[in-house]
Protein backbone atom coordinates (compact mmCIF):
# COMPACT_ATOMS: atom_id res chain seq x y z
CA MET A 1 -86.72 -72.35 -101.10
CA GLU A 2 -86.85 -72.79 -104.98
CA THR A 3 -83.09 -73.06 -105.02
CA SER A 4 -83.37 -75.85 -102.37
CA SER A 5 -86.03 -77.77 -104.21
CA THR A 6 -84.19 -77.56 -107.51
CA SER A 7 -81.07 -78.96 -105.86
CA ALA A 8 -83.00 -81.70 -104.13
CA ILE A 9 -84.56 -82.74 -107.39
CA ALA A 10 -81.23 -82.74 -109.16
CA GLU A 11 -79.80 -84.81 -106.32
CA ALA A 12 -82.66 -87.33 -106.55
CA LEU A 13 -82.23 -87.67 -110.30
CA THR A 14 -78.31 -88.06 -109.84
CA ARG A 15 -78.87 -90.90 -107.41
CA ALA A 16 -81.24 -92.50 -109.79
CA ILE A 17 -78.86 -92.36 -112.61
CA VAL A 18 -75.81 -93.53 -110.34
CA GLU A 19 -77.93 -96.54 -109.25
CA HIS A 20 -78.86 -97.39 -112.78
CA LYS A 21 -82.63 -96.75 -112.17
CA LEU A 22 -82.55 -94.20 -114.95
CA LEU A 23 -80.36 -95.57 -117.65
CA PRO A 24 -78.53 -93.91 -120.65
CA GLY A 25 -81.00 -92.59 -123.18
CA THR A 26 -83.97 -92.41 -120.96
CA LYS A 27 -86.37 -89.42 -121.77
CA LEU A 28 -86.94 -87.17 -118.80
CA ALA A 29 -90.44 -85.80 -119.40
CA GLU A 30 -90.75 -82.58 -117.53
CA GLN A 31 -94.43 -83.11 -116.68
CA LYS A 32 -93.97 -86.61 -115.43
CA LEU A 33 -90.99 -85.45 -113.21
CA ALA A 34 -93.15 -82.54 -111.95
CA ASP A 35 -95.94 -84.86 -111.10
CA HIS A 36 -93.67 -87.40 -109.48
CA PHE A 37 -91.94 -84.92 -107.23
CA GLY A 38 -94.91 -82.70 -106.70
CA VAL A 39 -93.34 -79.54 -107.95
CA SER A 40 -93.71 -77.21 -110.87
CA ARG A 41 -92.17 -77.77 -114.20
CA THR A 42 -90.04 -74.62 -113.81
CA LEU A 43 -88.12 -76.22 -110.88
CA VAL A 44 -87.81 -79.44 -112.81
CA ARG A 45 -86.56 -77.54 -115.91
CA GLN A 46 -83.85 -75.81 -113.58
CA ALA A 47 -82.83 -79.26 -112.17
CA LEU A 48 -82.40 -80.64 -115.78
CA PHE A 49 -80.28 -77.69 -116.67
CA GLN A 50 -78.04 -78.19 -113.58
CA LEU A 51 -77.63 -81.84 -114.64
CA SER A 52 -76.78 -80.84 -118.15
CA GLN A 53 -74.05 -78.64 -116.85
CA ASN A 54 -72.63 -81.90 -115.15
CA ARG A 55 -73.10 -83.83 -118.33
CA LEU A 56 -75.34 -86.26 -116.72
CA VAL A 57 -78.24 -84.93 -119.03
CA THR A 58 -78.55 -83.89 -122.64
CA LEU A 59 -80.96 -81.27 -123.64
CA ALA A 60 -82.13 -81.71 -127.14
CA PRO A 61 -84.03 -78.77 -128.79
CA ALA A 62 -87.60 -79.54 -129.53
CA ARG A 63 -87.20 -83.13 -128.06
CA GLY A 64 -86.47 -82.59 -124.41
CA ALA A 65 -84.09 -83.96 -121.83
CA PHE A 66 -82.39 -87.43 -121.85
CA VAL A 67 -80.19 -89.16 -119.64
CA ALA A 68 -76.70 -88.65 -121.28
CA THR A 69 -75.22 -91.49 -123.54
CA PRO A 70 -71.50 -90.95 -123.68
CA SER A 71 -70.02 -92.61 -126.72
CA ALA A 72 -66.94 -95.03 -126.92
CA ASP A 73 -65.22 -92.31 -129.08
CA GLU A 74 -65.71 -89.64 -126.43
CA ALA A 75 -64.37 -92.00 -123.86
CA ARG A 76 -61.18 -92.64 -125.71
CA GLN A 77 -60.58 -89.00 -126.52
CA VAL A 78 -61.05 -87.94 -122.76
CA PHE A 79 -58.69 -90.77 -121.60
CA ALA A 80 -56.12 -89.97 -124.25
CA VAL A 81 -55.94 -86.29 -122.88
CA ARG A 82 -55.85 -87.44 -119.32
CA ARG A 83 -52.97 -89.71 -119.86
CA MET A 84 -50.96 -86.90 -121.42
CA LEU A 85 -51.88 -84.48 -118.74
CA GLU A 86 -51.59 -86.64 -115.72
CA ALA A 87 -48.26 -88.13 -116.66
CA GLU A 88 -46.69 -84.77 -116.49
CA MET A 89 -48.66 -83.87 -113.41
CA THR A 90 -47.31 -87.06 -111.66
CA ARG A 91 -43.81 -86.18 -112.71
CA ALA A 92 -43.98 -82.71 -111.31
CA PHE A 93 -45.80 -83.98 -108.17
CA VAL A 94 -43.12 -86.55 -107.26
CA ARG A 95 -40.31 -83.97 -107.53
CA GLN A 96 -42.02 -81.69 -104.76
CA VAL A 97 -43.90 -84.27 -102.77
CA THR A 98 -44.21 -83.52 -99.02
CA PRO A 99 -45.40 -85.63 -96.00
CA LYS A 100 -48.35 -83.36 -95.71
CA GLN A 101 -49.25 -84.12 -99.36
CA LEU A 102 -48.83 -87.80 -98.80
CA LYS A 103 -51.04 -87.73 -95.65
CA ALA A 104 -53.88 -85.97 -97.66
CA LEU A 105 -53.79 -88.51 -100.33
CA LYS A 106 -53.77 -91.40 -97.90
CA ASN A 107 -56.71 -90.02 -96.22
CA HIS A 108 -58.46 -89.85 -99.54
CA ILE A 109 -57.68 -93.32 -100.36
CA ALA A 110 -59.13 -94.33 -96.79
CA ALA A 111 -62.34 -92.54 -97.84
CA GLU A 112 -62.36 -94.54 -101.24
CA LYS A 113 -62.16 -97.73 -99.22
CA LYS A 114 -65.02 -96.82 -96.93
CA ALA A 115 -67.27 -96.09 -100.05
CA MET A 116 -66.12 -99.45 -101.50
CA ASP A 117 -67.04 -101.29 -98.41
CA ARG A 118 -70.53 -99.53 -98.21
CA ASN A 119 -71.05 -100.31 -101.91
CA ASP A 120 -71.82 -96.60 -102.30
CA VAL A 121 -71.57 -96.50 -106.23
CA GLY A 122 -72.02 -92.77 -106.30
CA GLN A 123 -69.59 -91.85 -103.58
CA ARG A 124 -67.31 -94.42 -104.85
CA THR A 125 -67.22 -93.08 -108.39
CA GLU A 126 -66.94 -89.48 -107.23
CA LEU A 127 -64.00 -90.22 -104.85
CA LEU A 128 -62.07 -92.44 -107.42
CA GLY A 129 -62.24 -89.38 -109.79
CA ASP A 130 -61.50 -86.85 -107.17
CA PHE A 131 -58.24 -88.62 -106.39
CA HIS A 132 -56.79 -87.09 -109.53
CA VAL A 133 -58.05 -83.64 -109.00
CA VAL A 134 -56.87 -83.72 -105.18
CA MET A 135 -53.21 -84.28 -106.63
CA ALA A 136 -53.33 -81.13 -108.69
CA GLU A 137 -54.94 -79.16 -105.80
CA LEU A 138 -52.18 -80.29 -103.44
CA MET A 139 -49.79 -78.91 -105.89
CA ASP A 140 -51.42 -75.59 -105.48
CA ASN A 141 -51.98 -75.34 -109.23
CA HIS A 142 -55.43 -74.00 -109.57
CA VAL A 143 -55.46 -73.91 -113.44
CA LEU A 144 -54.36 -77.61 -113.53
CA ALA A 145 -57.09 -78.65 -111.00
CA GLN A 146 -59.80 -76.73 -113.08
CA ILE A 147 -58.74 -78.36 -116.33
CA LEU A 148 -58.54 -81.75 -114.74
CA GLY A 149 -61.74 -81.26 -112.98
CA ASP A 150 -63.59 -80.65 -116.15
CA LEU A 151 -62.10 -83.82 -117.73
CA ILE A 152 -63.01 -85.79 -114.64
CA SER A 153 -66.47 -84.39 -114.94
CA ARG A 154 -66.72 -85.58 -118.55
CA CYS A 155 -65.79 -88.95 -117.75
CA ALA A 156 -67.73 -89.22 -114.59
CA LEU A 157 -70.91 -90.42 -116.28
CA ILE A 158 -68.80 -92.78 -118.39
CA THR A 159 -67.50 -94.60 -115.34
CA LEU A 160 -70.89 -94.33 -113.56
CA MET A 161 -72.51 -96.10 -116.42
CA TYR A 162 -69.87 -98.40 -117.63
CA GLN A 163 -67.52 -99.36 -114.87
CA SER A 164 -68.02 -102.52 -113.00
CA ALA A 165 -67.56 -102.82 -108.99
CA SER A 166 -64.47 -105.05 -109.61
CA ALA A 167 -62.84 -102.44 -111.92
CA ALA A 168 -63.53 -99.76 -109.33
CA GLU A 169 -61.79 -102.04 -106.65
CA HIS A 170 -58.81 -102.35 -108.96
CA SER A 171 -58.78 -98.48 -109.42
CA HIS A 172 -58.62 -98.06 -105.65
CA GLU A 173 -55.77 -100.60 -105.42
CA GLU A 174 -53.86 -98.68 -108.13
CA HIS A 175 -54.30 -95.44 -106.46
CA GLU A 176 -52.68 -96.97 -103.29
CA ALA A 177 -49.67 -98.22 -105.57
CA ILE A 178 -49.35 -94.65 -107.06
CA VAL A 179 -49.17 -93.08 -103.57
CA ALA A 180 -46.55 -95.67 -102.49
CA ALA A 181 -44.51 -94.71 -105.56
CA LEU A 182 -44.84 -91.00 -104.72
CA ALA A 183 -43.72 -91.62 -101.12
CA ALA A 184 -40.76 -93.50 -102.42
CA ARG A 185 -39.94 -90.55 -104.66
CA ASP A 186 -39.70 -92.99 -107.61
CA GLU A 187 -40.54 -90.70 -110.48
CA ALA A 188 -40.33 -93.38 -113.31
CA LEU A 189 -42.38 -95.85 -111.43
CA ALA A 190 -45.12 -93.31 -110.41
CA VAL A 191 -45.56 -91.98 -113.88
CA ARG A 192 -45.74 -95.50 -115.33
CA LEU A 193 -48.38 -96.58 -112.73
CA MET A 194 -50.55 -93.48 -113.41
CA GLN A 195 -50.45 -94.20 -117.17
CA GLU A 196 -51.19 -97.87 -116.66
CA HIS A 197 -54.04 -96.98 -114.34
CA LEU A 198 -55.77 -94.71 -116.74
CA GLU A 199 -55.31 -97.31 -119.50
CA HIS A 200 -56.92 -99.95 -117.10
CA VAL A 201 -59.83 -97.80 -116.37
CA GLU A 202 -60.54 -97.29 -120.07
CA GLN A 203 -60.03 -100.99 -120.84
CA GLY A 204 -62.50 -101.83 -117.89
CA LEU A 205 -65.32 -99.78 -119.55
CA THR A 206 -68.23 -101.73 -121.06
CA PHE A 207 -70.23 -100.08 -123.76
CA ASP A 208 -72.34 -102.86 -125.12
CA ARG A 209 -75.14 -102.43 -122.67
CA ASP A 210 -78.63 -102.53 -124.08
CA MET A 211 -80.42 -99.16 -124.25
CA PRO A 212 -83.22 -98.70 -121.58
CA THR A 213 -86.70 -99.63 -122.38
CA ASN A 214 -88.09 -98.78 -118.90
CA ASP A 215 -90.99 -96.32 -118.42
CA LEU A 216 -89.82 -93.13 -116.52
CA SER A 217 -92.65 -93.65 -113.80
CA MET A 218 -91.53 -97.18 -113.17
CA ALA A 219 -87.87 -96.21 -112.92
CA LEU A 220 -88.71 -93.40 -110.43
CA SER A 221 -91.05 -95.45 -108.35
CA SER A 222 -88.57 -95.78 -105.46
CA VAL A 223 -87.01 -92.27 -105.90
CA THR A 224 -88.04 -89.49 -103.55
CA LEU A 225 -86.72 -86.06 -102.56
């Protein structure tokens, strides 16, 4: 029961962050959260630890928990590494691509489109990031999938916080173009499209938003378990 409650709190807070009800830098006071959700501080603390593992929350000694605030430098470094890694992944993928792999990627893109149409920001962001991990998994390279998954996790909050709906739509269209190049077995085009895609995602991020001034209770007024 406690594990279930912890997960429910973590999911509720994740939704609040995704929907920009809890903004970067917001202090997540344990007692306020416990009172809001009607649970013990222990369960809240466990949920916050879960979110810190996903890099959605920062735990500061003697200061408490805060919604993470990814820096522009962190974003640039993550995307630099992703460009290097994913260019080679795309090169390897196109050399061994199969109809079954292409079908899996097309199904994933269809799921992206549905999330876009629903304006489901959280699902949209998750699927757009997962596209890259799915490529690694389809290659049956578990080490690559694990490394890439960690990188995607690190930039998930960055895109959640700073990617516009129009930029997300563009990412979806670029995924379609990448899959088309893979299907044509055009290695040079597929690699170029992947590199340009990651560059466009980075360029579409906006880091000049104001820091939040909202009260935690007000931000959580419509958030329930």
